[in-house]
Amino acid sequence: MSSELSAKASSRESAKAGTGPGRLVLVLVCACQFMVILDASIVNVALPSVDRDLGFGAAGLAWVVNGYLLTFAGLMLLGGRAADLVGHRRALAAGMFLFSASSLAGGLAAAPQVLVAARAVQGAGAALLAPATLAVINTGFTGGRERARAFGAWSAAGGVGGMAGALAGGALTTGLSWRWVFLINVPIGAVLIVVALTSLPGARTGRREPLDLPGAAAGTAGAAALIYGVMQSAGHGWTSARVAGPVAAGLLLLAVFLVVEGRFAARPLMPLRLFRIRGVAVGGGMLLLFGGIAIAMWYFTSLFLQNVLGYGALRAGLGQTPAAVVFMLVARFGAGLLPRTGARLLVLAGCGCFLAGFGWLSQAGAGSGYLTGVLGPTLLVAVGIGLTFPTLMAATTAGVPEGDAGVAGGLANTASQAGGAVGLAVLATAAAARTRAASGAPGTTAALAAGYDRVFLIAAGLGLLIAAAGLLLPGRRDAS
């Protein structure tokens, strides 16, 4: 009888997570995720104006983007563990304060060095925010259906943020100034800090423990060095010292990090016992592969629209909008199927969409029309992303003890971001090699199309690998 009463009480508590204050919490974490992803891309359109005002130069200008991405991806494990130690409310409020304050500094910057430093600090704030939002969902929405829908809304918010970047950046830069790309975050951030402090529970997950400083130093430096080296591959060969040196150093530091965590740390930054949880181990690996899928979809289809079909930047963004809307709808409502179907079926269905969509997209060329050459296949891929991304995020953080929810969120985000960085470098190299090989084709446009088609075929192969790994995820019986 007592277990029945406990189950009913738990059911009532889970139901409350989707109503009343729970909705405000969901809006809060979705808004934070939207801002974090939006600021990774919103500045791209404003870069020419930034260069004219501050005089960056071609080499320095890239660091307005890379400075944010590097600290964002490199510090997420540390940010996730900090959220576990100080509590999710404090971590989210502190991350948003850091994010907003650095946005203000960036918007007022009068020198290139100030703007790059502000962007690096902004990425550090995002690295504290993103794992905290996942931890809030994982610990606050305990009912299966409510938790799945919350992950779907969170994923959709991030997807919309990524797609809205170009449109919002263009509108603010044209209508006001490039400075408003950063300044707009300040009032929004202030509101979200107030909402976080008033709607989230206190530091019930926070605990007084010393931070694993050796592990934090090795893990953060290793991730940052690896991602930095991969970023350099866009302008230098993979065998150049500028790429091979940081990549080798990053891998060595990450090996040291694993040794420290497994053998020496009394309270490790990333407890290796988490990888005994099947969802964490399998889901993390799949998120690494998924990073390449996302890059192939959003980045390379945008290049195809502009460089092959001749679209302008704004028109290309609008051309991807239908796929973004489909992704948002599928992620938001399809996640509700997770408790009934289990993660395995949704991932396999999504991978089927990847194979069909990217296979279709790989046939597009300079003579293809938008409707049949791009729109149709990208809608299929968007359905696949909507089915797989929230499912993988939910699977990677499911079954994790409440006190480790933050670091699990940091691990999931780090895997996705690192997969995207490595995927971009590898796919760009593959596209360039195929374009050079096809240089004898009639016209540069045809050669570029051949390079992008190679990228889409590789993405279809990544879909196959994700499907194979997806067989290890929980099925319908496990979900029930």
Protein backbone atom coordinates (compact mmCIF):
# COMPACT_ATOMS: atom_id res chain seq x y z
CA MET A 1 0.00 0.00 0.00
CA SER A 2 2.78 2.43 0.93
CA SER A 3 4.55 1.82 -2.39
CA GLU A 4 1.26 2.45 -4.23
CA LEU A 5 0.74 5.74 -2.36
CA SER A 6 4.34 6.70 -3.10
CA ALA A 7 3.87 5.97 -6.78
CA LYS A 8 0.71 8.09 -6.87
CA ALA A 9 2.47 10.93 -5.12
CA SER A 10 5.34 10.70 -7.57
CA SER A 11 2.88 10.74 -10.45
CA ARG A 12 1.17 13.86 -9.08
CA GLU A 13 4.55 15.54 -8.59
CA SER A 14 5.59 14.71 -12.15
CA ALA A 15 2.33 16.03 -13.51
CA LYS A 16 2.94 19.32 -11.76
CA ALA A 17 6.20 19.67 -13.66
CA GLY A 18 4.27 20.34 -16.83
CA THR A 19 1.84 22.87 -15.32
CA GLY A 20 1.99 26.02 -13.23
CA PRO A 21 5.53 26.89 -12.18
CA GLY A 22 6.89 24.02 -14.29
CA ARG A 23 5.91 25.86 -17.46
CA LEU A 24 7.78 28.94 -16.33
CA VAL A 25 10.87 26.82 -15.63
CA LEU A 26 10.60 25.25 -19.08
CA VAL A 27 10.30 28.69 -20.71
CA LEU A 28 13.36 29.77 -18.72
CA VAL A 29 15.62 26.89 -19.79
CA CYS A 30 14.42 27.13 -23.41
CA ALA A 31 15.13 30.86 -23.48
CA CYS A 32 18.62 30.29 -22.07
CA GLN A 33 19.36 27.57 -24.64
CA PHE A 34 18.01 29.80 -27.42
CA MET A 35 20.38 32.63 -26.41
CA VAL A 36 23.40 30.33 -26.09
CA ILE A 37 22.98 28.88 -29.59
CA LEU A 38 21.84 32.16 -31.14
CA ASP A 39 25.04 33.92 -30.08
CA ALA A 40 27.17 31.27 -31.74
CA SER A 41 25.89 32.46 -35.15
CA ILE A 42 24.24 35.89 -34.80
CA VAL A 43 27.56 37.74 -35.11
CA ASN A 44 28.46 36.19 -38.49
CA VAL A 45 26.42 38.65 -40.54
CA ALA A 46 27.77 41.59 -38.51
CA LEU A 47 31.47 40.74 -39.06
CA PRO A 48 32.04 43.12 -42.02
CA SER A 49 30.61 46.03 -39.99
CA VAL A 50 32.72 45.03 -36.97
CA ASP A 51 35.83 44.98 -39.16
CA ARG A 52 35.12 48.43 -40.59
CA ASP A 53 34.60 49.97 -37.15
CA LEU A 54 37.37 48.27 -35.18
CA GLY A 55 39.91 47.37 -37.87
CA PHE A 56 40.45 43.69 -37.13
CA GLY A 57 42.05 42.33 -40.27
CA ALA A 58 41.18 38.98 -41.83
CA ALA A 59 43.09 36.79 -39.36
CA GLY A 60 41.86 38.50 -36.20
CA LEU A 61 38.23 38.77 -37.30
CA ALA A 62 37.73 35.00 -37.17
CA TRP A 63 38.38 35.09 -33.42
CA VAL A 64 35.19 37.05 -32.85
CA VAL A 65 33.50 33.71 -33.66
CA ASN A 66 36.20 31.27 -32.55
CA GLY A 67 36.77 32.95 -29.18
CA TYR A 68 33.17 32.18 -28.23
CA LEU A 69 33.12 28.64 -29.59
CA LEU A 70 36.46 27.69 -28.04
CA THR A 71 35.60 28.60 -24.45
CA PHE A 72 32.03 27.36 -24.86
CA ALA A 73 33.10 23.87 -25.91
CA GLY A 74 36.23 23.72 -23.74
CA LEU A 75 34.65 24.71 -20.43
CA MET A 76 31.36 22.79 -20.48
CA LEU A 77 32.55 19.84 -18.39
CA LEU A 78 33.83 22.26 -15.76
CA GLY A 79 30.59 24.24 -15.99
CA GLY A 80 28.53 21.09 -15.52
CA ARG A 81 30.42 20.03 -12.41
CA ALA A 82 30.20 23.57 -11.01
CA ALA A 83 26.41 23.38 -11.42
CA ASP A 84 26.37 20.18 -9.35
CA LEU A 85 28.49 21.72 -6.61
CA VAL A 86 26.85 25.14 -6.21
CA GLY A 87 23.31 24.20 -7.25
CA HIS A 88 21.52 24.58 -10.56
CA ARG A 89 19.78 27.88 -9.69
CA ARG A 90 23.02 29.60 -8.74
CA ALA A 91 24.87 28.17 -11.74
CA LEU A 92 22.18 29.26 -14.18
CA ALA A 93 21.94 32.77 -12.69
CA ALA A 94 25.74 33.13 -12.55
CA GLY A 95 26.13 31.89 -16.12
CA MET A 96 23.50 34.32 -17.38
CA PHE A 97 25.12 37.20 -15.45
CA LEU A 98 28.51 36.38 -17.00
CA PHE A 99 26.90 36.02 -20.42
CA SER A 100 25.04 39.35 -20.16
CA ALA A 101 27.93 41.33 -18.63
CA SER A 102 30.33 40.17 -21.35
CA SER A 103 27.68 41.02 -23.98
CA LEU A 104 27.60 44.55 -22.60
CA ALA A 105 31.40 44.74 -22.76
CA GLY A 106 31.35 43.44 -26.33
CA GLY A 107 28.69 45.92 -27.41
CA LEU A 108 30.71 48.82 -25.98
CA ALA A 109 34.10 47.55 -27.20
CA ALA A 110 36.33 50.17 -28.81
CA ALA A 111 39.27 47.88 -29.64
CA PRO A 112 39.55 44.45 -31.29
CA GLN A 113 41.22 42.88 -28.24
CA VAL A 114 38.35 43.96 -25.99
CA LEU A 115 35.73 42.40 -28.27
CA VAL A 116 37.61 39.08 -28.57
CA ALA A 117 38.08 38.94 -24.78
CA ALA A 118 34.39 39.71 -24.26
CA ARG A 119 33.43 36.92 -26.65
CA ALA A 120 35.68 34.47 -24.80
CA VAL A 121 34.05 35.38 -21.47
CA GLN A 122 30.64 35.13 -23.13
CA GLY A 123 31.50 31.58 -24.19
CA ALA A 124 32.50 30.79 -20.60
CA GLY A 125 29.10 32.03 -19.41
CA ALA A 126 27.42 29.85 -22.03
CA ALA A 127 29.50 26.87 -20.83
CA LEU A 128 27.99 27.35 -17.37
CA LEU A 129 24.47 27.96 -18.71
CA ALA A 130 24.04 25.05 -21.12
CA PRO A 131 24.76 22.17 -18.69
CA ALA A 132 22.69 23.90 -16.00
CA THR A 133 19.63 24.00 -18.30
CA LEU A 134 19.95 20.27 -18.98
CA ALA A 135 20.38 19.58 -15.27
CA VAL A 136 17.22 21.56 -14.46
CA ILE A 137 15.25 19.47 -16.96
CA ASN A 138 16.75 16.21 -15.79
CA THR A 139 16.01 16.82 -12.10
CA GLY A 140 12.89 19.00 -12.30
CA PHE A 141 10.84 17.06 -14.87
CA THR A 142 10.83 13.57 -13.43
CA GLY A 143 7.73 12.18 -15.17
CA GLY A 144 8.64 10.26 -18.32
CA ARG A 145 6.32 12.11 -20.68
CA GLU A 146 6.95 15.55 -19.18
CA ARG A 147 10.71 14.98 -19.22
CA ALA A 148 10.67 13.88 -22.87
CA ARG A 149 8.57 16.86 -23.91
CA ALA A 150 10.85 19.21 -21.98
CA PHE A 151 13.87 17.82 -23.85
CA GLY A 152 11.96 18.27 -27.10
CA ALA A 153 11.19 21.92 -26.31
CA TRP A 154 14.81 22.53 -25.23
CA SER A 155 16.14 21.00 -28.46
CA ALA A 156 13.69 22.99 -30.58
CA ALA A 157 14.72 26.22 -28.85
CA GLY A 158 18.37 25.56 -29.66
CA GLY A 159 17.54 24.73 -33.27
CA VAL A 160 15.51 27.89 -33.70
CA GLY A 161 18.33 29.90 -32.11
CA GLY A 162 20.81 28.51 -34.61
CA MET A 163 18.60 29.31 -37.59
CA ALA A 164 17.52 32.73 -36.30
CA GLY A 165 21.11 33.91 -35.96
CA ALA A 166 21.57 35.09 -39.54
CA LEU A 167 18.16 36.77 -39.74
CA ALA A 168 18.43 38.49 -36.34
CA GLY A 169 22.04 39.53 -36.94
CA GLY A 170 21.17 41.02 -40.32
CA ALA A 171 18.14 42.87 -38.97
CA LEU A 172 19.96 44.37 -35.98
CA THR A 173 23.07 45.30 -37.96
CA THR A 174 21.08 46.91 -40.77
CA GLY A 175 18.43 48.63 -38.65
CA LEU A 176 20.58 49.74 -35.69
CA SER A 177 24.26 48.78 -35.40
CA TRP A 178 26.42 45.70 -35.03
CA ARG A 179 26.75 46.64 -31.35
CA TRP A 180 23.11 45.70 -30.77
CA VAL A 181 23.93 42.12 -31.70
CA PHE A 182 25.52 42.04 -28.24
CA LEU A 183 23.60 44.74 -26.36
CA ILE A 184 20.24 43.05 -26.96
CA ASN A 185 21.34 40.27 -24.59
CA VAL A 186 21.61 42.63 -21.62
CA PRO A 187 17.92 43.38 -20.89
CA ILE A 188 16.86 39.84 -21.84
CA GLY A 189 19.54 38.40 -19.56
CA ALA A 190 18.43 40.60 -16.66
CA VAL A 191 14.87 39.29 -16.97
CA LEU A 192 16.04 35.68 -17.13
CA ILE A 193 18.22 36.11 -14.03
CA VAL A 194 15.18 37.34 -12.07
CA VAL A 195 13.07 34.45 -13.37
CA ALA A 196 15.80 31.94 -12.44
CA LEU A 197 16.15 33.26 -8.90
CA THR A 198 12.40 33.31 -8.30
CA SER A 199 11.23 30.15 -10.11
CA LEU A 200 13.95 27.56 -9.51
CA PRO A 201 14.34 25.74 -6.18
CA GLY A 202 17.32 26.47 -3.93
CA ALA A 203 20.63 24.66 -3.94
CA ARG A 204 19.18 21.30 -3.00
CA THR A 205 21.69 19.60 -5.31
CA GLY A 206 24.59 21.80 -4.30
CA ARG A 207 27.12 20.26 -1.93
CA ARG A 208 30.27 21.46 -0.24
CA GLU A 209 33.06 19.61 -2.02
CA PRO A 210 36.45 20.78 -3.27
CA LEU A 211 36.76 21.14 -7.01
CA ASP A 212 39.01 18.60 -8.72
CA LEU A 213 41.60 21.19 -9.82
CA PRO A 214 44.07 18.80 -11.56
CA GLY A 215 41.22 17.17 -13.45
CA ALA A 216 39.67 20.55 -14.28
CA ALA A 217 42.99 21.87 -15.61
CA ALA A 218 43.78 18.77 -17.71
CA GLY A 219 40.23 18.32 -19.04
CA THR A 220 39.64 21.96 -19.90
CA ALA A 221 43.06 22.48 -21.48
CA GLY A 222 42.78 19.20 -23.40
CA ALA A 223 39.35 19.96 -24.85
CA ALA A 224 40.35 23.53 -25.71
CA ALA A 225 43.63 22.47 -27.38
CA LEU A 226 41.93 19.73 -29.42
CA ILE A 227 39.13 22.02 -30.64
CA TYR A 228 41.61 24.85 -31.35
CA GLY A 229 43.73 22.54 -33.49
CA VAL A 230 40.72 21.33 -35.43
CA MET A 231 39.63 24.94 -36.02
CA GLN A 232 43.04 25.71 -37.55
CA SER A 233 42.60 22.97 -40.16
CA ALA A 234 40.36 25.25 -42.22
CA GLY A 235 43.37 27.40 -43.19
CA HIS A 236 46.21 24.90 -42.80
CA GLY A 237 46.79 21.26 -43.72
CA TRP A 238 46.16 18.50 -41.21
CA THR A 239 49.89 17.76 -41.09
CA SER A 240 50.93 21.36 -40.41
CA ALA A 241 52.36 22.22 -37.00
CA ARG A 242 49.48 24.63 -36.35
CA VAL A 243 47.02 21.73 -36.53
CA ALA A 244 48.97 18.62 -35.52
CA GLY A 245 50.64 20.28 -32.52
CA PRO A 246 47.47 21.43 -30.69
CA VAL A 247 45.60 18.22 -31.63
CA ALA A 248 48.39 16.02 -30.26
CA ALA A 249 48.65 18.14 -27.11
CA GLY A 250 44.88 18.01 -26.65
CA LEU A 251 44.74 14.22 -26.98
CA LEU A 252 47.64 13.84 -24.53
CA LEU A 253 46.00 16.14 -21.98
CA LEU A 254 42.69 14.29 -22.32
CA ALA A 255 44.53 11.00 -21.67
CA VAL A 256 46.06 12.57 -18.56
CA PHE A 257 42.58 13.75 -17.58
CA LEU A 258 41.21 10.20 -17.75
CA VAL A 259 44.09 8.87 -15.66
CA VAL A 260 43.56 11.57 -13.03
CA GLU A 261 39.81 10.96 -12.92
CA GLY A 262 40.13 7.19 -12.74
CA ARG A 263 43.05 6.77 -10.34
CA PHE A 264 43.91 9.89 -8.37
CA ALA A 265 40.93 12.23 -7.94
CA ALA A 266 39.06 11.71 -4.66
CA ARG A 267 36.04 13.60 -6.02
CA PRO A 268 36.54 13.61 -9.81
CA LEU A 269 35.34 16.36 -12.12
CA MET A 270 33.85 13.68 -14.39
CA PRO A 271 33.24 10.44 -12.49
CA LEU A 272 34.12 7.60 -14.85
CA ARG A 273 31.47 5.47 -13.15
CA LEU A 274 28.92 7.43 -15.20
CA PHE A 275 30.09 5.54 -18.28
CA ARG A 276 28.80 2.34 -16.71
CA ILE A 277 25.35 3.76 -17.47
CA ARG A 278 24.57 2.52 -20.96
CA GLY A 279 22.82 5.69 -22.07
CA VAL A 280 25.74 7.91 -21.05
CA ALA A 281 28.37 5.79 -22.83
CA VAL A 282 26.40 5.04 -26.00
CA GLY A 283 24.57 8.36 -26.19
CA GLY A 284 27.77 10.37 -25.79
CA GLY A 285 29.42 8.55 -28.66
CA MET A 286 26.35 9.00 -30.85
CA LEU A 287 26.27 12.74 -30.10
CA LEU A 288 29.85 12.98 -31.39
CA LEU A 289 28.70 11.48 -34.69
CA PHE A 290 25.55 13.59 -34.70
CA GLY A 291 27.67 16.77 -34.69
CA GLY A 292 28.73 15.93 -38.25
CA ILE A 293 25.09 15.39 -39.27
CA ALA A 294 24.08 18.83 -37.98
CA ILE A 295 27.03 20.55 -39.74
CA ALA A 296 26.25 18.82 -43.04
CA MET A 297 22.62 19.86 -42.80
CA TRP A 298 22.76 23.51 -41.78
CA TYR A 299 26.24 24.68 -42.81
CA PHE A 300 26.80 22.87 -46.10
CA THR A 301 23.26 23.21 -47.43
CA SER A 302 23.60 26.96 -46.85
CA LEU A 303 26.84 26.92 -48.87
CA PHE A 304 25.13 24.87 -51.60
CA LEU A 305 22.31 27.41 -51.85
CA GLN A 306 24.74 30.34 -52.06
CA ASN A 307 27.66 28.96 -54.07
CA VAL A 308 25.83 26.59 -56.41
CA LEU A 309 22.32 27.97 -56.79
CA GLY A 310 23.46 31.59 -56.48
CA TYR A 311 21.32 32.65 -53.50
CA GLY A 312 22.26 35.62 -51.33
CA ALA A 313 22.85 35.12 -47.60
CA LEU A 314 19.37 36.28 -46.58
CA ARG A 315 17.64 34.25 -49.28
CA ALA A 316 19.67 31.19 -48.29
CA GLY A 317 18.56 31.65 -44.68
CA LEU A 318 14.95 31.87 -45.80
CA GLY A 319 15.49 28.79 -47.97
CA GLN A 320 16.43 26.80 -44.86
CA THR A 321 13.54 28.16 -42.79
CA PRO A 322 11.01 25.42 -43.78
CA ALA A 323 13.44 22.75 -42.58
CA ALA A 324 13.99 24.67 -39.34
CA VAL A 325 10.23 24.85 -38.74
CA VAL A 326 9.85 21.11 -39.40
CA PHE A 327 12.71 20.35 -37.01
CA MET A 328 11.15 22.53 -34.31
CA LEU A 329 7.73 20.86 -34.64
CA VAL A 330 9.10 17.31 -34.74
CA ALA A 331 11.46 17.91 -31.81
CA ARG A 332 8.73 19.56 -29.74
CA PHE A 333 5.97 17.03 -30.27
CA GLY A 334 7.84 13.90 -31.38
CA ALA A 335 9.71 13.80 -28.06
CA GLY A 336 6.43 12.86 -26.41
CA LEU A 337 6.73 9.46 -28.11
CA LEU A 338 9.93 8.60 -26.24
CA PRO A 339 8.29 7.09 -23.11
CA ARG A 340 6.14 4.84 -25.29
CA THR A 341 8.59 3.80 -28.00
CA GLY A 342 11.96 3.92 -26.24
CA ALA A 343 15.06 5.65 -27.58
CA ARG A 344 16.07 2.92 -30.02
CA LEU A 345 13.03 3.11 -32.30
CA LEU A 346 13.12 6.92 -32.55
CA VAL A 347 16.83 6.95 -33.37
CA LEU A 348 16.44 4.26 -36.04
CA ALA A 349 13.52 6.16 -37.59
CA GLY A 350 15.58 9.34 -37.58
CA CYS A 351 18.54 7.59 -39.19
CA GLY A 352 16.24 6.30 -41.92
CA CYS A 353 15.37 9.92 -42.66
CA PHE A 354 19.10 10.77 -42.75
CA LEU A 355 19.81 8.05 -45.29
CA ALA A 356 16.90 9.04 -47.53
CA GLY A 357 17.39 12.79 -47.18
CA PHE A 358 21.16 12.97 -47.60
CA GLY A 359 21.09 10.33 -50.33
CA TRP A 360 18.57 12.48 -52.22
CA LEU A 361 20.53 15.67 -51.50
CA SER A 362 23.76 14.13 -52.83
CA GLN A 363 22.16 14.02 -56.29
CA ALA A 364 21.67 17.79 -56.42
CA GLY A 365 23.74 19.80 -58.88
CA ALA A 366 24.05 23.18 -60.50
CA GLY A 367 20.93 22.53 -62.60
CA SER A 368 18.75 21.39 -59.69
CA GLY A 369 15.76 23.43 -58.67
CA TYR A 370 15.15 24.47 -55.08
CA LEU A 371 11.93 22.52 -54.55
CA THR A 372 13.09 19.10 -55.70
CA GLY A 373 16.85 19.49 -55.24
CA VAL A 374 17.00 21.08 -51.79
CA LEU A 375 13.66 21.58 -50.07
CA GLY A 376 12.43 18.00 -50.27
CA PRO A 377 15.59 16.32 -48.96
CA THR A 378 16.25 18.91 -46.26
CA LEU A 379 12.73 18.44 -44.91
CA LEU A 380 13.45 14.71 -44.59
CA VAL A 381 16.75 15.38 -42.80
CA ALA A 382 15.03 17.90 -40.51
CA VAL A 383 12.54 15.21 -39.47
CA GLY A 384 15.48 12.93 -38.66
CA ILE A 385 17.22 15.60 -36.58
CA GLY A 386 13.98 16.34 -34.73
CA LEU A 387 13.60 12.67 -33.85
CA THR A 388 17.20 11.95 -32.89
CA PHE A 389 18.65 15.03 -31.18
CA PRO A 390 16.26 15.35 -28.20
CA THR A 391 16.21 11.56 -27.91
CA LEU A 392 20.01 11.38 -27.68
CA MET A 393 20.13 14.23 -25.17
CA ALA A 394 17.50 12.53 -23.03
CA ALA A 395 19.19 9.12 -23.31
CA THR A 396 22.64 10.50 -22.43
CA THR A 397 21.40 12.14 -19.23
CA ALA A 398 18.84 9.50 -18.18
CA GLY A 399 19.54 7.36 -15.13
CA VAL A 400 22.23 9.74 -13.86
CA PRO A 401 22.23 10.46 -10.10
CA GLU A 402 20.78 13.88 -9.30
CA GLY A 403 24.11 15.11 -7.91
CA ASP A 404 25.78 14.37 -11.28
CA ALA A 405 23.07 15.85 -13.52
CA GLY A 406 25.15 18.94 -14.29
CA VAL A 407 28.28 17.09 -15.38
CA ALA A 408 26.15 14.70 -17.45
CA GLY A 409 24.65 17.72 -19.21
CA GLY A 410 28.14 19.12 -19.73
CA LEU A 411 29.31 15.82 -21.18
CA ALA A 412 26.36 15.66 -23.61
CA ASN A 413 26.87 19.25 -24.76
CA THR A 414 30.64 18.79 -25.08
CA ALA A 415 30.18 15.67 -27.22
CA SER A 416 27.77 17.49 -29.53
CA GLN A 417 29.95 20.61 -29.86
CA ALA A 418 33.19 18.66 -30.30
CA GLY A 419 31.52 16.46 -32.91
CA GLY A 420 30.41 19.57 -34.77
CA ALA A 421 33.90 21.11 -34.70
CA VAL A 422 35.61 17.93 -35.88
CA GLY A 423 32.83 17.26 -38.37
CA LEU A 424 33.17 20.71 -39.92
CA ALA A 425 36.91 20.29 -40.38
CA VAL A 426 36.69 16.77 -41.82
CA LEU A 427 33.76 17.51 -44.12
CA ALA A 428 35.31 20.76 -45.35
CA THR A 429 38.50 18.86 -46.20
CA ALA A 430 36.52 16.18 -48.04
CA ALA A 431 34.55 18.80 -49.98
CA ALA A 432 37.70 20.67 -51.00
CA ALA A 433 39.43 17.47 -52.16
CA ARG A 434 36.43 16.45 -54.27
CA THR A 435 36.13 19.95 -55.73
CA ARG A 436 39.79 19.91 -56.77
CA ALA A 437 39.36 16.47 -58.33
CA ALA A 438 36.33 17.70 -60.28
CA SER A 439 38.00 20.89 -61.48
CA GLY A 440 37.90 19.54 -65.01
CA ALA A 441 34.10 19.61 -64.90
CA PRO A 442 32.46 22.42 -66.92
CA GLY A 443 32.44 25.48 -64.66
CA THR A 444 33.48 26.13 -61.08
CA THR A 445 29.89 25.75 -59.87
CA ALA A 446 29.77 22.13 -61.01
CA ALA A 447 33.01 21.38 -59.16
CA LEU A 448 31.67 22.98 -55.98
CA ALA A 449 28.45 20.98 -56.30
CA ALA A 450 30.51 17.77 -56.56
CA GLY A 451 32.30 18.69 -53.33
CA TYR A 452 29.07 19.31 -51.45
CA ASP A 453 27.58 16.09 -52.83
CA ARG A 454 30.54 14.23 -51.31
CA VAL A 455 29.74 15.83 -47.94
CA PHE A 456 26.12 14.69 -48.15
CA LEU A 457 27.16 11.12 -48.94
CA ILE A 458 29.49 11.10 -45.92
CA ALA A 459 26.62 12.41 -43.79
CA ALA A 460 24.47 9.50 -44.97
CA GLY A 461 27.28 7.19 -43.83
CA LEU A 462 27.28 8.88 -40.42
CA GLY A 463 23.56 8.15 -40.27
CA LEU A 464 24.34 4.46 -40.77
CA LEU A 465 26.90 4.51 -37.94
CA ILE A 466 24.43 6.22 -35.60
CA ALA A 467 21.80 3.61 -36.49
CA ALA A 468 24.23 0.78 -35.69
CA ALA A 469 25.05 2.34 -32.31
CA GLY A 470 21.36 3.01 -31.73
CA LEU A 471 20.73 -0.73 -31.47
CA LEU A 472 22.44 -0.53 -28.05
CA LEU A 473 19.96 2.04 -26.72
CA PRO A 474 16.93 1.07 -24.58
CA GLY A 475 13.99 -0.30 -26.53
CA ARG A 476 10.25 -0.14 -25.93
CA ARG A 477 10.28 -2.71 -23.11
CA ASP A 478 13.01 -0.75 -21.27
CA ALA A 479 11.09 2.51 -21.71
CA SER A 480 7.91 1.06 -20.23
